[in-house]
Amino acid sequence: GITSLQKNPNSWDKMFYFFLKEKDY
């Protein structure tokens, strides 16, 4: 809750998960 964003994970986390875990670019 340190930022105004309350949702965790959000699209930033999902992006890191997707490109670090599922994809190879």
PDBML (XML) file of the C-alpha atoms, coordinates in Angstrom:
<?xml version="1.0" encoding="UTF-8" ?>
<PDBx:datablock datablockName="MODEL"
   xmlns:PDBx="http://pdbml.pdb.org/schema/pdbx-v50.xsd"
   xmlns:xsi="http://www.w3.org/2001/XMLSchema-instance"
   xsi:schemaLocation="http://pdbml.pdb.org/schema/pdbx-v50.xsd pdbx-v50.xsd">
   <PDBx:atom_siteCategory>
      <PDBx:atom_site id="1">
         <PDBx:B_iso_or_equiv>0.00</PDBx:B_iso_or_equiv>
         <PDBx:Cartn_x>0.000</PDBx:Cartn_x>
         <PDBx:Cartn_y>0.000</PDBx:Cartn_y>
         <PDBx:Cartn_z>0.000</PDBx:Cartn_z>
         <PDBx:auth_asym_id>A</PDBx:auth_asym_id>
         <PDBx:auth_atom_id>CA</PDBx:auth_atom_id>
         <PDBx:auth_comp_id>GLY</PDBx:auth_comp_id>
         <PDBx:auth_seq_id>1</PDBx:auth_seq_id>
         <PDBx:group_PDB>ATOM</PDBx:group_PDB>
         <PDBx:label_alt_id xsi:nil="true" />
         <PDBx:label_asym_id>A</PDBx:label_asym_id>
         <PDBx:label_atom_id>CA</PDBx:label_atom_id>
         <PDBx:label_comp_id>GLY</PDBx:label_comp_id>
         <PDBx:label_entity_id>1</PDBx:label_entity_id>
         <PDBx:label_seq_id>1</PDBx:label_seq_id>
         <PDBx:occupancy>1.00</PDBx:occupancy>
         <PDBx:pdbx_PDB_model_num>1</PDBx:pdbx_PDB_model_num>
         <PDBx:type_symbol>C</PDBx:type_symbol>
      </PDBx:atom_site>
      <PDBx:atom_site id="2">
         <PDBx:B_iso_or_equiv>0.00</PDBx:B_iso_or_equiv>
         <PDBx:Cartn_x>2.940</PDBx:Cartn_x>
         <PDBx:Cartn_y>2.399</PDBx:Cartn_y>
         <PDBx:Cartn_z>-0.251</PDBx:Cartn_z>
         <PDBx:auth_asym_id>A</PDBx:auth_asym_id>
         <PDBx:auth_atom_id>CA</PDBx:auth_atom_id>
         <PDBx:auth_comp_id>ILE</PDBx:auth_comp_id>
         <PDBx:auth_seq_id>2</PDBx:auth_seq_id>
         <PDBx:group_PDB>ATOM</PDBx:group_PDB>
         <PDBx:label_alt_id xsi:nil="true" />
         <PDBx:label_asym_id>A</PDBx:label_asym_id>
         <PDBx:label_atom_id>CA</PDBx:label_atom_id>
         <PDBx:label_comp_id>ILE</PDBx:label_comp_id>
         <PDBx:label_entity_id>1</PDBx:label_entity_id>
         <PDBx:label_seq_id>2</PDBx:label_seq_id>
         <PDBx:occupancy>1.00</PDBx:occupancy>
         <PDBx:pdbx_PDB_model_num>1</PDBx:pdbx_PDB_model_num>
         <PDBx:type_symbol>C</PDBx:type_symbol>
      </PDBx:atom_site>
      <PDBx:atom_site id="3">
         <PDBx:B_iso_or_equiv>0.00</PDBx:B_iso_or_equiv>
         <PDBx:Cartn_x>1.611</PDBx:Cartn_x>
         <PDBx:Cartn_y>3.819</PDBx:Cartn_y>
         <PDBx:Cartn_z>-3.537</PDBx:Cartn_z>
         <PDBx:auth_asym_id>A</PDBx:auth_asym_id>
         <PDBx:auth_atom_id>CA</PDBx:auth_atom_id>
         <PDBx:auth_comp_id>THR</PDBx:auth_comp_id>
         <PDBx:auth_seq_id>3</PDBx:auth_seq_id>
         <PDBx:group_PDB>ATOM</PDBx:group_PDB>
         <PDBx:label_alt_id xsi:nil="true" />
         <PDBx:label_asym_id>A</PDBx:label_asym_id>
         <PDBx:label_atom_id>CA</PDBx:label_atom_id>
         <PDBx:label_comp_id>THR</PDBx:label_comp_id>
         <PDBx:label_entity_id>1</PDBx:label_entity_id>
         <PDBx:label_seq_id>3</PDBx:label_seq_id>
         <PDBx:occupancy>1.00</PDBx:occupancy>
         <PDBx:pdbx_PDB_model_num>1</PDBx:pdbx_PDB_model_num>
         <PDBx:type_symbol>C</PDBx:type_symbol>
      </PDBx:atom_site>
      <PDBx:atom_site id="4">
         <PDBx:B_iso_or_equiv>0.00</PDBx:B_iso_or_equiv>
         <PDBx:Cartn_x>-1.879</PDBx:Cartn_x>
         <PDBx:Cartn_y>4.792</PDBx:Cartn_y>
         <PDBx:Cartn_z>-4.651</PDBx:Cartn_z>
         <PDBx:auth_asym_id>A</PDBx:auth_asym_id>
         <PDBx:auth_atom_id>CA</PDBx:auth_atom_id>
         <PDBx:auth_comp_id>SER</PDBx:auth_comp_id>
         <PDBx:auth_seq_id>4</PDBx:auth_seq_id>
         <PDBx:group_PDB>ATOM</PDBx:group_PDB>
         <PDBx:label_alt_id xsi:nil="true" />
         <PDBx:label_asym_id>A</PDBx:label_asym_id>
         <PDBx:label_atom_id>CA</PDBx:label_atom_id>
         <PDBx:label_comp_id>SER</PDBx:label_comp_id>
         <PDBx:label_entity_id>1</PDBx:label_entity_id>
         <PDBx:label_seq_id>4</PDBx:label_seq_id>
         <PDBx:occupancy>1.00</PDBx:occupancy>
         <PDBx:pdbx_PDB_model_num>1</PDBx:pdbx_PDB_model_num>
         <PDBx:type_symbol>C</PDBx:type_symbol>
      </PDBx:atom_site>
      <PDBx:atom_site id="5">
         <PDBx:B_iso_or_equiv>0.00</PDBx:B_iso_or_equiv>
         <PDBx:Cartn_x>-2.014</PDBx:Cartn_x>
         <PDBx:Cartn_y>1.497</PDBx:Cartn_y>
         <PDBx:Cartn_z>-6.550</PDBx:Cartn_z>
         <PDBx:auth_asym_id>A</PDBx:auth_asym_id>
         <PDBx:auth_atom_id>CA</PDBx:auth_atom_id>
         <PDBx:auth_comp_id>LEU</PDBx:auth_comp_id>
         <PDBx:auth_seq_id>5</PDBx:auth_seq_id>
         <PDBx:group_PDB>ATOM</PDBx:group_PDB>
         <PDBx:label_alt_id xsi:nil="true" />
         <PDBx:label_asym_id>A</PDBx:label_asym_id>
         <PDBx:label_atom_id>CA</PDBx:label_atom_id>
         <PDBx:label_comp_id>LEU</PDBx:label_comp_id>
         <PDBx:label_entity_id>1</PDBx:label_entity_id>
         <PDBx:label_seq_id>5</PDBx:label_seq_id>
         <PDBx:occupancy>1.00</PDBx:occupancy>
         <PDBx:pdbx_PDB_model_num>1</PDBx:pdbx_PDB_model_num>
         <PDBx:type_symbol>C</PDBx:type_symbol>
      </PDBx:atom_site>
      <PDBx:atom_site id="6">
         <PDBx:B_iso_or_equiv>0.00</PDBx:B_iso_or_equiv>
         <PDBx:Cartn_x>-3.749</PDBx:Cartn_x>
         <PDBx:Cartn_y>-1.029</PDBx:Cartn_y>
         <PDBx:Cartn_z>-4.342</PDBx:Cartn_z>
         <PDBx:auth_asym_id>A</PDBx:auth_asym_id>
         <PDBx:auth_atom_id>CA</PDBx:auth_atom_id>
         <PDBx:auth_comp_id>GLN</PDBx:auth_comp_id>
         <PDBx:auth_seq_id>6</PDBx:auth_seq_id>
         <PDBx:group_PDB>ATOM</PDBx:group_PDB>
         <PDBx:label_alt_id xsi:nil="true" />
         <PDBx:label_asym_id>A</PDBx:label_asym_id>
         <PDBx:label_atom_id>CA</PDBx:label_atom_id>
         <PDBx:label_comp_id>GLN</PDBx:label_comp_id>
         <PDBx:label_entity_id>1</PDBx:label_entity_id>
         <PDBx:label_seq_id>6</PDBx:label_seq_id>
         <PDBx:occupancy>1.00</PDBx:occupancy>
         <PDBx:pdbx_PDB_model_num>1</PDBx:pdbx_PDB_model_num>
         <PDBx:type_symbol>C</PDBx:type_symbol>
      </PDBx:atom_site>
      <PDBx:atom_site id="7">
         <PDBx:B_iso_or_equiv>0.00</PDBx:B_iso_or_equiv>
         <PDBx:Cartn_x>-3.755</PDBx:Cartn_x>
         <PDBx:Cartn_y>-4.040</PDBx:Cartn_y>
         <PDBx:Cartn_z>-6.647</PDBx:Cartn_z>
         <PDBx:auth_asym_id>A</PDBx:auth_asym_id>
         <PDBx:auth_atom_id>CA</PDBx:auth_atom_id>
         <PDBx:auth_comp_id>LYS</PDBx:auth_comp_id>
         <PDBx:auth_seq_id>7</PDBx:auth_seq_id>
         <PDBx:group_PDB>ATOM</PDBx:group_PDB>
         <PDBx:label_alt_id xsi:nil="true" />
         <PDBx:label_asym_id>A</PDBx:label_asym_id>
         <PDBx:label_atom_id>CA</PDBx:label_atom_id>
         <PDBx:label_comp_id>LYS</PDBx:label_comp_id>
         <PDBx:label_entity_id>1</PDBx:label_entity_id>
         <PDBx:label_seq_id>7</PDBx:label_seq_id>
         <PDBx:occupancy>1.00</PDBx:occupancy>
         <PDBx:pdbx_PDB_model_num>1</PDBx:pdbx_PDB_model_num>
         <PDBx:type_symbol>C</PDBx:type_symbol>
      </PDBx:atom_site>
      <PDBx:atom_site id="8">
         <PDBx:B_iso_or_equiv>0.00</PDBx:B_iso_or_equiv>
         <PDBx:Cartn_x>-0.803</PDBx:Cartn_x>
         <PDBx:Cartn_y>-6.368</PDBx:Cartn_y>
         <PDBx:Cartn_z>-6.394</PDBx:Cartn_z>
         <PDBx:auth_asym_id>A</PDBx:auth_asym_id>
         <PDBx:auth_atom_id>CA</PDBx:auth_atom_id>
         <PDBx:auth_comp_id>ASN</PDBx:auth_comp_id>
         <PDBx:auth_seq_id>8</PDBx:auth_seq_id>
         <PDBx:group_PDB>ATOM</PDBx:group_PDB>
         <PDBx:label_alt_id xsi:nil="true" />
         <PDBx:label_asym_id>A</PDBx:label_asym_id>
         <PDBx:label_atom_id>CA</PDBx:label_atom_id>
         <PDBx:label_comp_id>ASN</PDBx:label_comp_id>
         <PDBx:label_entity_id>1</PDBx:label_entity_id>
         <PDBx:label_seq_id>8</PDBx:label_seq_id>
         <PDBx:occupancy>1.00</PDBx:occupancy>
         <PDBx:pdbx_PDB_model_num>1</PDBx:pdbx_PDB_model_num>
         <PDBx:type_symbol>C</PDBx:type_symbol>
      </PDBx:atom_site>
      <PDBx:atom_site id="9">
         <PDBx:B_iso_or_equiv>0.00</PDBx:B_iso_or_equiv>
         <PDBx:Cartn_x>-0.020</PDBx:Cartn_x>
         <PDBx:Cartn_y>-7.939</PDBx:Cartn_y>
         <PDBx:Cartn_z>-8.814</PDBx:Cartn_z>
         <PDBx:auth_asym_id>A</PDBx:auth_asym_id>
         <PDBx:auth_atom_id>CA</PDBx:auth_atom_id>
         <PDBx:auth_comp_id>PRO</PDBx:auth_comp_id>
         <PDBx:auth_seq_id>9</PDBx:auth_seq_id>
         <PDBx:group_PDB>ATOM</PDBx:group_PDB>
         <PDBx:label_alt_id xsi:nil="true" />
         <PDBx:label_asym_id>A</PDBx:label_asym_id>
         <PDBx:label_atom_id>CA</PDBx:label_atom_id>
         <PDBx:label_comp_id>PRO</PDBx:label_comp_id>
         <PDBx:label_entity_id>1</PDBx:label_entity_id>
         <PDBx:label_seq_id>9</PDBx:label_seq_id>
         <PDBx:occupancy>1.00</PDBx:occupancy>
         <PDBx:pdbx_PDB_model_num>1</PDBx:pdbx_PDB_model_num>
         <PDBx:type_symbol>C</PDBx:type_symbol>
      </PDBx:atom_site>
      <PDBx:atom_site id="10">
         <PDBx:B_iso_or_equiv>0.00</PDBx:B_iso_or_equiv>
         <PDBx:Cartn_x>-0.977</PDBx:Cartn_x>
         <PDBx:Cartn_y>-5.486</PDBx:Cartn_y>
         <PDBx:Cartn_z>-11.521</PDBx:Cartn_z>
         <PDBx:auth_asym_id>A</PDBx:auth_asym_id>
         <PDBx:auth_atom_id>CA</PDBx:auth_atom_id>
         <PDBx:auth_comp_id>ASN</PDBx:auth_comp_id>
         <PDBx:auth_seq_id>10</PDBx:auth_seq_id>
         <PDBx:group_PDB>ATOM</PDBx:group_PDB>
         <PDBx:label_alt_id xsi:nil="true" />
         <PDBx:label_asym_id>A</PDBx:label_asym_id>
         <PDBx:label_atom_id>CA</PDBx:label_atom_id>
         <PDBx:label_comp_id>ASN</PDBx:label_comp_id>
         <PDBx:label_entity_id>1</PDBx:label_entity_id>
         <PDBx:label_seq_id>10</PDBx:label_seq_id>
         <PDBx:occupancy>1.00</PDBx:occupancy>
         <PDBx:pdbx_PDB_model_num>1</PDBx:pdbx_PDB_model_num>
         <PDBx:type_symbol>C</PDBx:type_symbol>
      </PDBx:atom_site>
      <PDBx:atom_site id="11">
         <PDBx:B_iso_or_equiv>0.00</PDBx:B_iso_or_equiv>
         <PDBx:Cartn_x>-0.080</PDBx:Cartn_x>
         <PDBx:Cartn_y>-5.095</PDBx:Cartn_y>
         <PDBx:Cartn_z>-15.195</PDBx:Cartn_z>
         <PDBx:auth_asym_id>A</PDBx:auth_asym_id>
         <PDBx:auth_atom_id>CA</PDBx:auth_atom_id>
         <PDBx:auth_comp_id>SER</PDBx:auth_comp_id>
         <PDBx:auth_seq_id>11</PDBx:auth_seq_id>
         <PDBx:group_PDB>ATOM</PDBx:group_PDB>
         <PDBx:label_alt_id xsi:nil="true" />
         <PDBx:label_asym_id>A</PDBx:label_asym_id>
         <PDBx:label_atom_id>CA</PDBx:label_atom_id>
         <PDBx:label_comp_id>SER</PDBx:label_comp_id>
         <PDBx:label_entity_id>1</PDBx:label_entity_id>
         <PDBx:label_seq_id>11</PDBx:label_seq_id>
         <PDBx:occupancy>1.00</PDBx:occupancy>
         <PDBx:pdbx_PDB_model_num>1</PDBx:pdbx_PDB_model_num>
         <PDBx:type_symbol>C</PDBx:type_symbol>
      </PDBx:atom_site>
      <PDBx:atom_site id="12">
         <PDBx:B_iso_or_equiv>0.00</PDBx:B_iso_or_equiv>
         <PDBx:Cartn_x>3.573</PDBx:Cartn_x>
         <PDBx:Cartn_y>-4.300</PDBx:Cartn_y>
         <PDBx:Cartn_z>-14.408</PDBx:Cartn_z>
         <PDBx:auth_asym_id>A</PDBx:auth_asym_id>
         <PDBx:auth_atom_id>CA</PDBx:auth_atom_id>
         <PDBx:auth_comp_id>TRP</PDBx:auth_comp_id>
         <PDBx:auth_seq_id>12</PDBx:auth_seq_id>
         <PDBx:group_PDB>ATOM</PDBx:group_PDB>
         <PDBx:label_alt_id xsi:nil="true" />
         <PDBx:label_asym_id>A</PDBx:label_asym_id>
         <PDBx:label_atom_id>CA</PDBx:label_atom_id>
         <PDBx:label_comp_id>TRP</PDBx:label_comp_id>
         <PDBx:label_entity_id>1</PDBx:label_entity_id>
         <PDBx:label_seq_id>12</PDBx:label_seq_id>
         <PDBx:occupancy>1.00</PDBx:occupancy>
         <PDBx:pdbx_PDB_model_num>1</PDBx:pdbx_PDB_model_num>
         <PDBx:type_symbol>C</PDBx:type_symbol>
      </PDBx:atom_site>
      <PDBx:atom_site id="13">
         <PDBx:B_iso_or_equiv>0.00</PDBx:B_iso_or_equiv>
         <PDBx:Cartn_x>3.972</PDBx:Cartn_x>
         <PDBx:Cartn_y>-7.544</PDBx:Cartn_y>
         <PDBx:Cartn_z>-12.490</PDBx:Cartn_z>
         <PDBx:auth_asym_id>A</PDBx:auth_asym_id>
         <PDBx:auth_atom_id>CA</PDBx:auth_atom_id>
         <PDBx:auth_comp_id>ASP</PDBx:auth_comp_id>
         <PDBx:auth_seq_id>13</PDBx:auth_seq_id>
         <PDBx:group_PDB>ATOM</PDBx:group_PDB>
         <PDBx:label_alt_id xsi:nil="true" />
         <PDBx:label_asym_id>A</PDBx:label_asym_id>
         <PDBx:label_atom_id>CA</PDBx:label_atom_id>
         <PDBx:label_comp_id>ASP</PDBx:label_comp_id>
         <PDBx:label_entity_id>1</PDBx:label_entity_id>
         <PDBx:label_seq_id>13</PDBx:label_seq_id>
         <PDBx:occupancy>1.00</PDBx:occupancy>
         <PDBx:pdbx_PDB_model_num>1</PDBx:pdbx_PDB_model_num>
         <PDBx:type_symbol>C</PDBx:type_symbol>
      </PDBx:atom_site>
      <PDBx:atom_site id="14">
         <PDBx:B_iso_or_equiv>0.00</PDBx:B_iso_or_equiv>
         <PDBx:Cartn_x>2.106</PDBx:Cartn_x>
         <PDBx:Cartn_y>-9.471</PDBx:Cartn_y>
         <PDBx:Cartn_z>-15.167</PDBx:Cartn_z>
         <PDBx:auth_asym_id>A</PDBx:auth_asym_id>
         <PDBx:auth_atom_id>CA</PDBx:auth_atom_id>
         <PDBx:auth_comp_id>LYS</PDBx:auth_comp_id>
         <PDBx:auth_seq_id>14</PDBx:auth_seq_id>
         <PDBx:group_PDB>ATOM</PDBx:group_PDB>
         <PDBx:label_alt_id xsi:nil="true" />
         <PDBx:label_asym_id>A</PDBx:label_asym_id>
         <PDBx:label_atom_id>CA</PDBx:label_atom_id>
         <PDBx:label_comp_id>LYS</PDBx:label_comp_id>
         <PDBx:label_entity_id>1</PDBx:label_entity_id>
         <PDBx:label_seq_id>14</PDBx:label_seq_id>
         <PDBx:occupancy>1.00</PDBx:occupancy>
         <PDBx:pdbx_PDB_model_num>1</PDBx:pdbx_PDB_model_num>
         <PDBx:type_symbol>C</PDBx:type_symbol>
      </PDBx:atom_site>
      <PDBx:atom_site id="15">
         <PDBx:B_iso_or_equiv>0.00</PDBx:B_iso_or_equiv>
         <PDBx:Cartn_x>4.430</PDBx:Cartn_x>
         <PDBx:Cartn_y>-8.063</PDBx:Cartn_y>
         <PDBx:Cartn_z>-17.818</PDBx:Cartn_z>
         <PDBx:auth_asym_id>A</PDBx:auth_asym_id>
         <PDBx:auth_atom_id>CA</PDBx:auth_atom_id>
         <PDBx:auth_comp_id>MET</PDBx:auth_comp_id>
         <PDBx:auth_seq_id>15</PDBx:auth_seq_id>
         <PDBx:group_PDB>ATOM</PDBx:group_PDB>
         <PDBx:label_alt_id xsi:nil="true" />
         <PDBx:label_asym_id>A</PDBx:label_asym_id>
         <PDBx:label_atom_id>CA</PDBx:label_atom_id>
         <PDBx:label_comp_id>MET</PDBx:label_comp_id>
         <PDBx:label_entity_id>1</PDBx:label_entity_id>
         <PDBx:label_seq_id>15</PDBx:label_seq_id>
         <PDBx:occupancy>1.00</PDBx:occupancy>
         <PDBx:pdbx_PDB_model_num>1</PDBx:pdbx_PDB_model_num>
         <PDBx:type_symbol>C</PDBx:type_symbol>
      </PDBx:atom_site>
      <PDBx:atom_site id="16">
         <PDBx:B_iso_or_equiv>0.00</PDBx:B_iso_or_equiv>
         <PDBx:Cartn_x>7.524</PDBx:Cartn_x>
         <PDBx:Cartn_y>-9.157</PDBx:Cartn_y>
         <PDBx:Cartn_z>-15.897</PDBx:Cartn_z>
         <PDBx:auth_asym_id>A</PDBx:auth_asym_id>
         <PDBx:auth_atom_id>CA</PDBx:auth_atom_id>
         <PDBx:auth_comp_id>PHE</PDBx:auth_comp_id>
         <PDBx:auth_seq_id>16</PDBx:auth_seq_id>
         <PDBx:group_PDB>ATOM</PDBx:group_PDB>
         <PDBx:label_alt_id xsi:nil="true" />
         <PDBx:label_asym_id>A</PDBx:label_asym_id>
         <PDBx:label_atom_id>CA</PDBx:label_atom_id>
         <PDBx:label_comp_id>PHE</PDBx:label_comp_id>
         <PDBx:label_entity_id>1</PDBx:label_entity_id>
         <PDBx:label_seq_id>16</PDBx:label_seq_id>
         <PDBx:occupancy>1.00</PDBx:occupancy>
         <PDBx:pdbx_PDB_model_num>1</PDBx:pdbx_PDB_model_num>
         <PDBx:type_symbol>C</PDBx:type_symbol>
      </PDBx:atom_site>
      <PDBx:atom_site id="17">
         <PDBx:B_iso_or_equiv>0.00</PDBx:B_iso_or_equiv>
         <PDBx:Cartn_x>6.035</PDBx:Cartn_x>
         <PDBx:Cartn_y>-12.593</PDBx:Cartn_y>
         <PDBx:Cartn_z>-15.285</PDBx:Cartn_z>
         <PDBx:auth_asym_id>A</PDBx:auth_asym_id>
         <PDBx:auth_atom_id>CA</PDBx:auth_atom_id>
         <PDBx:auth_comp_id>TYR</PDBx:auth_comp_id>
         <PDBx:auth_seq_id>17</PDBx:auth_seq_id>
         <PDBx:group_PDB>ATOM</PDBx:group_PDB>
         <PDBx:label_alt_id xsi:nil="true" />
         <PDBx:label_asym_id>A</PDBx:label_asym_id>
         <PDBx:label_atom_id>CA</PDBx:label_atom_id>
         <PDBx:label_comp_id>TYR</PDBx:label_comp_id>
         <PDBx:label_entity_id>1</PDBx:label_entity_id>
         <PDBx:label_seq_id>17</PDBx:label_seq_id>
         <PDBx:occupancy>1.00</PDBx:occupancy>
         <PDBx:pdbx_PDB_model_num>1</PDBx:pdbx_PDB_model_num>
         <PDBx:type_symbol>C</PDBx:type_symbol>
      </PDBx:atom_site>
      <PDBx:atom_site id="18">
         <PDBx:B_iso_or_equiv>0.00</PDBx:B_iso_or_equiv>
         <PDBx:Cartn_x>5.076</PDBx:Cartn_x>
         <PDBx:Cartn_y>-13.041</PDBx:Cartn_y>
         <PDBx:Cartn_z>-18.925</PDBx:Cartn_z>
         <PDBx:auth_asym_id>A</PDBx:auth_asym_id>
         <PDBx:auth_atom_id>CA</PDBx:auth_atom_id>
         <PDBx:auth_comp_id>PHE</PDBx:auth_comp_id>
         <PDBx:auth_seq_id>18</PDBx:auth_seq_id>
         <PDBx:group_PDB>ATOM</PDBx:group_PDB>
         <PDBx:label_alt_id xsi:nil="true" />
         <PDBx:label_asym_id>A</PDBx:label_asym_id>
         <PDBx:label_atom_id>CA</PDBx:label_atom_id>
         <PDBx:label_comp_id>PHE</PDBx:label_comp_id>
         <PDBx:label_entity_id>1</PDBx:label_entity_id>
         <PDBx:label_seq_id>18</PDBx:label_seq_id>
         <PDBx:occupancy>1.00</PDBx:occupancy>
         <PDBx:pdbx_PDB_model_num>1</PDBx:pdbx_PDB_model_num>
         <PDBx:type_symbol>C</PDBx:type_symbol>
      </PDBx:atom_site>
      <PDBx:atom_site id="19">
         <PDBx:B_iso_or_equiv>0.00</PDBx:B_iso_or_equiv>
         <PDBx:Cartn_x>8.394</PDBx:Cartn_x>
         <PDBx:Cartn_y>-12.014</PDBx:Cartn_y>
         <PDBx:Cartn_z>-20.450</PDBx:Cartn_z>
         <PDBx:auth_asym_id>A</PDBx:auth_asym_id>
         <PDBx:auth_atom_id>CA</PDBx:auth_atom_id>
         <PDBx:auth_comp_id>PHE</PDBx:auth_comp_id>
         <PDBx:auth_seq_id>19</PDBx:auth_seq_id>
         <PDBx:group_PDB>ATOM</PDBx:group_PDB>
         <PDBx:label_alt_id xsi:nil="true" />
         <PDBx:label_asym_id>A</PDBx:label_asym_id>
         <PDBx:label_atom_id>CA</PDBx:label_atom_id>
         <PDBx:label_comp_id>PHE</PDBx:label_comp_id>
         <PDBx:label_entity_id>1</PDBx:label_entity_id>
         <PDBx:label_seq_id>19</PDBx:label_seq_id>
         <PDBx:occupancy>1.00</PDBx:occupancy>
         <PDBx:pdbx_PDB_model_num>1</PDBx:pdbx_PDB_model_num>
         <PDBx:type_symbol>C</PDBx:type_symbol>
      </PDBx:atom_site>
      <PDBx:atom_site id="20">
         <PDBx:B_iso_or_equiv>0.00</PDBx:B_iso_or_equiv>
         <PDBx:Cartn_x>10.705</PDBx:Cartn_x>
         <PDBx:Cartn_y>-13.458</PDBx:Cartn_y>
         <PDBx:Cartn_z>-17.799</PDBx:Cartn_z>
         <PDBx:auth_asym_id>A</PDBx:auth_asym_id>
         <PDBx:auth_atom_id>CA</PDBx:auth_atom_id>
         <PDBx:auth_comp_id>LEU</PDBx:auth_comp_id>
         <PDBx:auth_seq_id>20</PDBx:auth_seq_id>
         <PDBx:group_PDB>ATOM</PDBx:group_PDB>
         <PDBx:label_alt_id xsi:nil="true" />
         <PDBx:label_asym_id>A</PDBx:label_asym_id>
         <PDBx:label_atom_id>CA</PDBx:label_atom_id>
         <PDBx:label_comp_id>LEU</PDBx:label_comp_id>
         <PDBx:label_entity_id>1</PDBx:label_entity_id>
         <PDBx:label_seq_id>20</PDBx:label_seq_id>
         <PDBx:occupancy>1.00</PDBx:occupancy>
         <PDBx:pdbx_PDB_model_num>1</PDBx:pdbx_PDB_model_num>
         <PDBx:type_symbol>C</PDBx:type_symbol>
      </PDBx:atom_site>
      <PDBx:atom_site id="21">
         <PDBx:B_iso_or_equiv>0.00</PDBx:B_iso_or_equiv>
         <PDBx:Cartn_x>8.847</PDBx:Cartn_x>
         <PDBx:Cartn_y>-16.725</PDBx:Cartn_y>
         <PDBx:Cartn_z>-17.229</PDBx:Cartn_z>
         <PDBx:auth_asym_id>A</PDBx:auth_asym_id>
         <PDBx:auth_atom_id>CA</PDBx:auth_atom_id>
         <PDBx:auth_comp_id>LYS</PDBx:auth_comp_id>
         <PDBx:auth_seq_id>21</PDBx:auth_seq_id>
         <PDBx:group_PDB>ATOM</PDBx:group_PDB>
         <PDBx:label_alt_id xsi:nil="true" />
         <PDBx:label_asym_id>A</PDBx:label_asym_id>
         <PDBx:label_atom_id>CA</PDBx:label_atom_id>
         <PDBx:label_comp_id>LYS</PDBx:label_comp_id>
         <PDBx:label_entity_id>1</PDBx:label_entity_id>
         <PDBx:label_seq_id>21</PDBx:label_seq_id>
         <PDBx:occupancy>1.00</PDBx:occupancy>
         <PDBx:pdbx_PDB_model_num>1</PDBx:pdbx_PDB_model_num>
         <PDBx:type_symbol>C</PDBx:type_symbol>
      </PDBx:atom_site>
      <PDBx:atom_site id="22">
         <PDBx:B_iso_or_equiv>0.00</PDBx:B_iso_or_equiv>
         <PDBx:Cartn_x>6.818</PDBx:Cartn_x>
         <PDBx:Cartn_y>-17.633</PDBx:Cartn_y>
         <PDBx:Cartn_z>-20.306</PDBx:Cartn_z>
         <PDBx:auth_asym_id>A</PDBx:auth_asym_id>
         <PDBx:auth_atom_id>CA</PDBx:auth_atom_id>
         <PDBx:auth_comp_id>GLU</PDBx:auth_comp_id>
         <PDBx:auth_seq_id>22</PDBx:auth_seq_id>
         <PDBx:group_PDB>ATOM</PDBx:group_PDB>
         <PDBx:label_alt_id xsi:nil="true" />
         <PDBx:label_asym_id>A</PDBx:label_asym_id>
         <PDBx:label_atom_id>CA</PDBx:label_atom_id>
         <PDBx:label_comp_id>GLU</PDBx:label_comp_id>
         <PDBx:label_entity_id>1</PDBx:label_entity_id>
         <PDBx:label_seq_id>22</PDBx:label_seq_id>
         <PDBx:occupancy>1.00</PDBx:occupancy>
         <PDBx:pdbx_PDB_model_num>1</PDBx:pdbx_PDB_model_num>
         <PDBx:type_symbol>C</PDBx:type_symbol>
      </PDBx:atom_site>
      <PDBx:atom_site id="23">
         <PDBx:B_iso_or_equiv>0.00</PDBx:B_iso_or_equiv>
         <PDBx:Cartn_x>8.527</PDBx:Cartn_x>
         <PDBx:Cartn_y>-15.979</PDBx:Cartn_y>
         <PDBx:Cartn_z>-23.297</PDBx:Cartn_z>
         <PDBx:auth_asym_id>A</PDBx:auth_asym_id>
         <PDBx:auth_atom_id>CA</PDBx:auth_atom_id>
         <PDBx:auth_comp_id>LYS</PDBx:auth_comp_id>
         <PDBx:auth_seq_id>23</PDBx:auth_seq_id>
         <PDBx:group_PDB>ATOM</PDBx:group_PDB>
         <PDBx:label_alt_id xsi:nil="true" />
         <PDBx:label_asym_id>A</PDBx:label_asym_id>
         <PDBx:label_atom_id>CA</PDBx:label_atom_id>
         <PDBx:label_comp_id>LYS</PDBx:label_comp_id>
         <PDBx:label_entity_id>1</PDBx:label_entity_id>
         <PDBx:label_seq_id>23</PDBx:label_seq_id>
         <PDBx:occupancy>1.00</PDBx:occupancy>
         <PDBx:pdbx_PDB_model_num>1</PDBx:pdbx_PDB_model_num>
         <PDBx:type_symbol>C</PDBx:type_symbol>
      </PDBx:atom_site>
      <PDBx:atom_site id="24">
         <PDBx:B_iso_or_equiv>0.00</PDBx:B_iso_or_equiv>
         <PDBx:Cartn_x>11.986</PDBx:Cartn_x>
         <PDBx:Cartn_y>-15.738</PDBx:Cartn_y>
         <PDBx:Cartn_z>-24.816</PDBx:Cartn_z>
         <PDBx:auth_asym_id>A</PDBx:auth_asym_id>
         <PDBx:auth_atom_id>CA</PDBx:auth_atom_id>
         <PDBx:auth_comp_id>ASP</PDBx:auth_comp_id>
         <PDBx:auth_seq_id>24</PDBx:auth_seq_id>
         <PDBx:group_PDB>ATOM</PDBx:group_PDB>
         <PDBx:label_alt_id xsi:nil="true" />
         <PDBx:label_asym_id>A</PDBx:label_asym_id>
         <PDBx:label_atom_id>CA</PDBx:label_atom_id>
         <PDBx:label_comp_id>ASP</PDBx:label_comp_id>
         <PDBx:label_entity_id>1</PDBx:label_entity_id>
         <PDBx:label_seq_id>24</PDBx:label_seq_id>
         <PDBx:occupancy>1.00</PDBx:occupancy>
         <PDBx:pdbx_PDB_model_num>1</PDBx:pdbx_PDB_model_num>
         <PDBx:type_symbol>C</PDBx:type_symbol>
      </PDBx:atom_site>
      <PDBx:atom_site id="25">
         <PDBx:B_iso_or_equiv>0.00</PDBx:B_iso_or_equiv>
         <PDBx:Cartn_x>12.774</PDBx:Cartn_x>
         <PDBx:Cartn_y>-12.437</PDBx:Cartn_y>
         <PDBx:Cartn_z>-26.562</PDBx:Cartn_z>
         <PDBx:auth_asym_id>A</PDBx:auth_asym_id>
         <PDBx:auth_atom_id>CA</PDBx:auth_atom_id>
         <PDBx:auth_comp_id>TYR</PDBx:auth_comp_id>
         <PDBx:auth_seq_id>25</PDBx:auth_seq_id>
         <PDBx:group_PDB>ATOM</PDBx:group_PDB>
         <PDBx:label_alt_id xsi:nil="true" />
         <PDBx:label_asym_id>A</PDBx:label_asym_id>
         <PDBx:label_atom_id>CA</PDBx:label_atom_id>
         <PDBx:label_comp_id>TYR</PDBx:label_comp_id>
         <PDBx:label_entity_id>1</PDBx:label_entity_id>
         <PDBx:label_seq_id>25</PDBx:label_seq_id>
         <PDBx:occupancy>1.00</PDBx:occupancy>
         <PDBx:pdbx_PDB_model_num>1</PDBx:pdbx_PDB_model_num>
         <PDBx:type_symbol>C</PDBx:type_symbol>
      </PDBx:atom_site>
   </PDBx:atom_siteCategory>
</PDBx:datablock>
